[in-house]
Protein backbone atom coordinates (compact mmCIF):
# COMPACT_ATOMS: atom_id res chain seq x y z
CA MET A 1 12.62 15.85 -10.76
CA ASN A 2 10.64 17.75 -8.15
CA VAL A 3 7.09 16.45 -7.71
CA GLN A 4 4.50 18.64 -5.99
CA LEU A 5 2.19 16.27 -4.10
CA PRO A 6 -1.28 17.21 -2.88
CA VAL A 7 -1.30 18.03 0.83
CA HIS A 8 -4.40 16.09 1.94
CA LEU A 9 -6.87 13.97 -0.02
CA ASP A 10 -9.84 11.76 0.75
CA LYS A 11 -9.93 8.27 -0.76
CA PRO A 12 -12.17 8.99 -3.79
CA THR A 13 -10.13 12.06 -4.73
CA PHE A 14 -6.87 10.13 -4.33
CA LEU A 15 -8.12 7.25 -6.52
CA SER A 16 -9.07 9.75 -9.22
CA TRP A 17 -5.77 11.67 -8.88
CA VAL A 18 -3.52 8.59 -8.98
CA GLN A 19 -5.02 7.06 -12.17
CA GLY A 20 -2.62 7.16 -15.09
CA ARG A 21 0.42 8.31 -13.11
CA GLU A 22 3.64 6.44 -13.81
CA GLU A 23 5.01 6.82 -10.28
CA ARG A 24 3.71 4.69 -7.41
CA TYR A 25 1.83 6.36 -4.56
CA GLU A 26 -0.07 5.40 -1.42
CA LEU A 27 -2.49 7.41 0.68
CA VAL A 28 -1.41 7.28 4.33
CA ASP A 29 -3.59 9.06 6.89
CA GLY A 30 -4.88 11.31 4.10
CA ARG A 31 -1.40 12.26 2.84
CA VAL A 32 -0.03 11.24 -0.54
CA VAL A 33 3.24 9.32 -0.21
CA MET A 34 5.45 8.50 -3.19
CA MET A 35 6.73 4.92 -3.15
CA PRO A 36 10.30 4.01 -4.13
CA GLY A 37 11.09 2.27 -7.40
CA THR A 38 11.87 -1.42 -7.24
CA SER A 39 15.05 -3.35 -7.97
CA ARG A 40 15.33 -6.31 -10.33
CA ASP A 41 15.54 -8.72 -7.36
CA HIS A 42 12.39 -7.15 -5.86
CA GLY A 43 10.51 -7.66 -9.11
CA MET A 44 11.74 -11.23 -9.51
CA ILE A 45 10.76 -12.17 -5.93
CA VAL A 46 7.29 -10.69 -6.45
CA GLY A 47 6.99 -12.55 -9.77
CA ASN A 48 8.09 -15.87 -8.26
CA LEU A 49 5.62 -15.51 -5.38
CA TYR A 50 2.84 -14.56 -7.80
CA VAL A 51 3.47 -17.71 -9.87
CA GLU A 52 3.48 -19.94 -6.77
CA LEU A 53 0.25 -18.44 -5.45
CA ARG A 54 -1.49 -18.81 -8.83
CA ARG A 55 -0.25 -22.41 -9.05
CA GLN A 56 -1.47 -23.40 -5.58
CA LEU A 57 -4.67 -21.43 -5.01
CA ASP A 58 -8.10 -22.35 -6.37
CA ARG A 59 -8.75 -19.71 -9.05
CA SER A 60 -12.51 -20.15 -8.72
CA LYS A 61 -12.18 -18.74 -5.17
CA TRP A 62 -9.11 -16.49 -5.22
CA SER A 63 -7.65 -13.72 -7.37
CA VAL A 64 -3.89 -13.10 -7.13
CA ILE A 65 -3.11 -9.49 -8.03
CA ALA A 66 0.18 -7.58 -8.02
CA GLU A 67 0.25 -4.00 -6.68
CA PHE A 68 -3.50 -3.81 -6.13
CA GLY A 69 -5.25 -1.32 -3.86
CA LEU A 70 -6.04 -2.12 -0.26
CA ASP A 71 -8.29 -0.05 1.99
CA SER A 72 -6.42 -0.37 5.28
CA GLY A 73 -7.83 2.47 7.36
CA PRO A 74 -10.17 5.46 7.40
CA ASP A 75 -7.75 7.63 5.38
CA THR A 76 -5.30 5.02 4.08
CA LEU A 77 -5.00 3.17 0.78
CA ARG A 78 -1.99 0.90 0.35
CA TYR A 79 -0.68 -1.05 -2.65
CA PRO A 80 0.89 -4.29 -1.38
CA ASP A 81 3.23 -6.12 -3.74
CA ILE A 82 0.79 -9.06 -3.80
CA VAL A 83 -2.89 -9.21 -2.82
CA VAL A 84 -4.93 -12.42 -2.73
CA ASP A 85 -8.59 -11.40 -2.78
CA ARG A 86 -11.86 -13.31 -3.02
CA VAL A 87 -13.06 -13.69 -6.59
CA ASN A 88 -16.29 -11.78 -5.82
CA GLY A 89 -14.79 -8.36 -6.67
CA ALA A 90 -15.79 -6.44 -9.79
CA GLY A 91 -13.39 -5.99 -12.70
CA LYS A 92 -13.43 -2.20 -12.33
CA ASP A 93 -12.67 -2.24 -8.57
CA TYR A 94 -9.59 -0.31 -7.44
CA THR A 95 -9.31 -1.97 -4.02
CA ALA A 96 -9.59 -5.51 -2.66
CA THR A 97 -12.99 -6.56 -1.32
CA GLU A 98 -11.96 -9.45 0.97
CA PRO A 99 -8.16 -9.64 1.13
CA ALA A 100 -7.03 -12.99 2.53
CA PHE A 101 -3.26 -12.80 1.92
CA LEU A 102 -0.93 -9.82 1.55
CA ALA A 103 2.77 -9.79 0.76
CA GLU A 104 5.44 -7.10 0.73
CA VAL A 105 9.06 -7.37 -0.41
CA LEU A 106 11.37 -5.18 1.63
CA SER A 107 13.17 -2.27 0.02
CA PRO A 108 15.90 -0.37 1.87
CA SER A 109 13.50 2.48 2.66
CA SER A 110 10.45 0.31 3.48
CA THR A 111 11.66 -2.04 6.23
CA ALA A 112 10.23 -0.10 9.20
CA THR A 113 6.95 0.53 7.39
CA ASP A 114 6.44 -3.03 6.08
CA LEU A 115 7.28 -4.69 9.41
CA GLY A 116 5.69 -1.97 11.56
CA ASP A 117 2.94 0.34 10.29
CA LYS A 118 1.68 -1.94 7.54
CA ALA A 119 1.69 -5.01 9.78
CA ALA A 120 -0.36 -3.11 12.39
CA GLU A 121 -2.84 -1.95 9.73
CA TYR A 122 -3.10 -5.21 7.81
CA LEU A 123 -3.54 -7.48 10.84
CA LYS A 124 -6.73 -5.56 11.74
CA LEU A 125 -8.42 -6.61 8.49
CA PRO A 126 -11.13 -9.15 9.41
CA SER A 127 -10.75 -11.22 6.21
CA LEU A 128 -6.95 -11.43 6.35
CA MET A 129 -5.52 -14.92 6.93
CA ALA A 130 -1.82 -14.17 6.39
CA TYR A 131 0.64 -11.32 5.91
CA LEU A 132 4.07 -12.17 4.47
CA VAL A 133 7.14 -9.92 4.32
CA LEU A 134 10.15 -11.05 2.30
CA SER A 135 13.74 -9.80 2.39
CA GLN A 136 15.44 -9.19 -0.92
CA ASP A 137 18.93 -9.39 0.63
CA GLU A 138 18.74 -12.97 1.91
CA PRO A 139 16.26 -15.87 1.89
CA LYS A 140 14.26 -14.67 4.88
CA ALA A 141 10.55 -14.24 5.55
CA TRP A 142 8.34 -12.85 8.31
CA LEU A 143 4.91 -14.48 8.42
CA TRP A 144 1.86 -13.54 10.42
CA ALA A 145 -0.74 -16.31 9.98
CA ARG A 146 -4.13 -16.27 11.66
CA SER A 147 -4.68 -19.26 13.93
CA ALA A 148 -7.89 -19.91 15.87
CA GLY A 149 -9.14 -16.48 14.76
CA GLU A 150 -6.10 -14.59 16.08
CA PHE A 151 -2.68 -13.42 14.96
CA ALA A 152 0.29 -14.05 17.25
CA ALA A 153 1.90 -11.00 18.84
CA GLY A 154 4.82 -11.22 16.43
CA ALA A 155 5.76 -12.75 13.13
CA GLU A 156 7.18 -16.22 12.72
CA VAL A 157 10.59 -15.80 11.07
CA TYR A 158 11.85 -18.23 8.43
CA ALA A 159 15.46 -18.11 7.27
CA GLY A 160 17.45 -20.16 4.80
CA ILE A 161 16.74 -21.32 1.29
CA GLU A 162 15.43 -24.68 2.55
CA ALA A 163 12.66 -23.14 4.70
CA VAL A 164 9.01 -23.85 3.83
CA LEU A 165 6.14 -21.64 4.95
CA ARG A 166 2.81 -23.32 5.61
CA ILE A 167 -0.38 -21.28 5.60
CA THR A 168 -2.99 -23.83 6.57
CA ALA A 169 -6.03 -21.56 6.18
CA LEU A 170 -5.24 -21.16 2.47
CA GLY A 171 -3.71 -24.60 1.91
CA LEU A 172 -0.38 -23.05 0.91
CA GLU A 173 3.14 -24.44 1.14
CA LEU A 174 5.60 -21.80 -0.01
CA ALA A 175 9.21 -22.91 -0.31
CA LEU A 176 11.75 -20.11 -0.04
CA SER A 177 13.72 -21.96 -2.74
CA ASP A 178 10.82 -21.26 -5.14
CA ILE A 179 10.27 -17.68 -4.02
CA TYR A 180 13.97 -16.87 -4.33
CA SER A 181 14.54 -18.85 -7.54
CA ASP A 182 17.16 -17.13 -9.75
CA ILE A 183 18.12 -14.61 -7.04
CA LYS A 184 21.87 -14.36 -6.44
CA PHE A 185 22.91 -13.48 -2.89
CA ALA A 186 26.29 -11.93 -2.03
């Protein structure tokens, strides 16, 4: 299938254009970018993380939302796999109001973007406390967690099914064994 994408859109026009489309898109520097489909493992990892976040976070303060809009620059709207946002948003919002935690699960075509461009964009968000990137090929995570108001220059890398990620600002302990539950590695 050959999809003709608009050349350049502003955010309100993009949000109107993207509603009701089956494919996944992001707006990056004003250009519409089609996102790849996801594998079963990708979906299961996102689901496992979603369940853990809902279990551990105070629902009177935090909303955990899958594939929700994020305003990450003047002409950029992203759709992270998981967004944890303050509860103060309206039900008809299309983007997070105060994102505190963002997570992406790597796909073969998204590694450079998730660990590079998106990290650079996301870490500039004043409300963000943590950005997590998860491999779907092995139990491995890259975590940027704000400490003393700052993010470290690089991610802390966790590897192995026994690893546990601690995000103090949100009171989270995320075991890779829970996130990767039911995932079979080669």
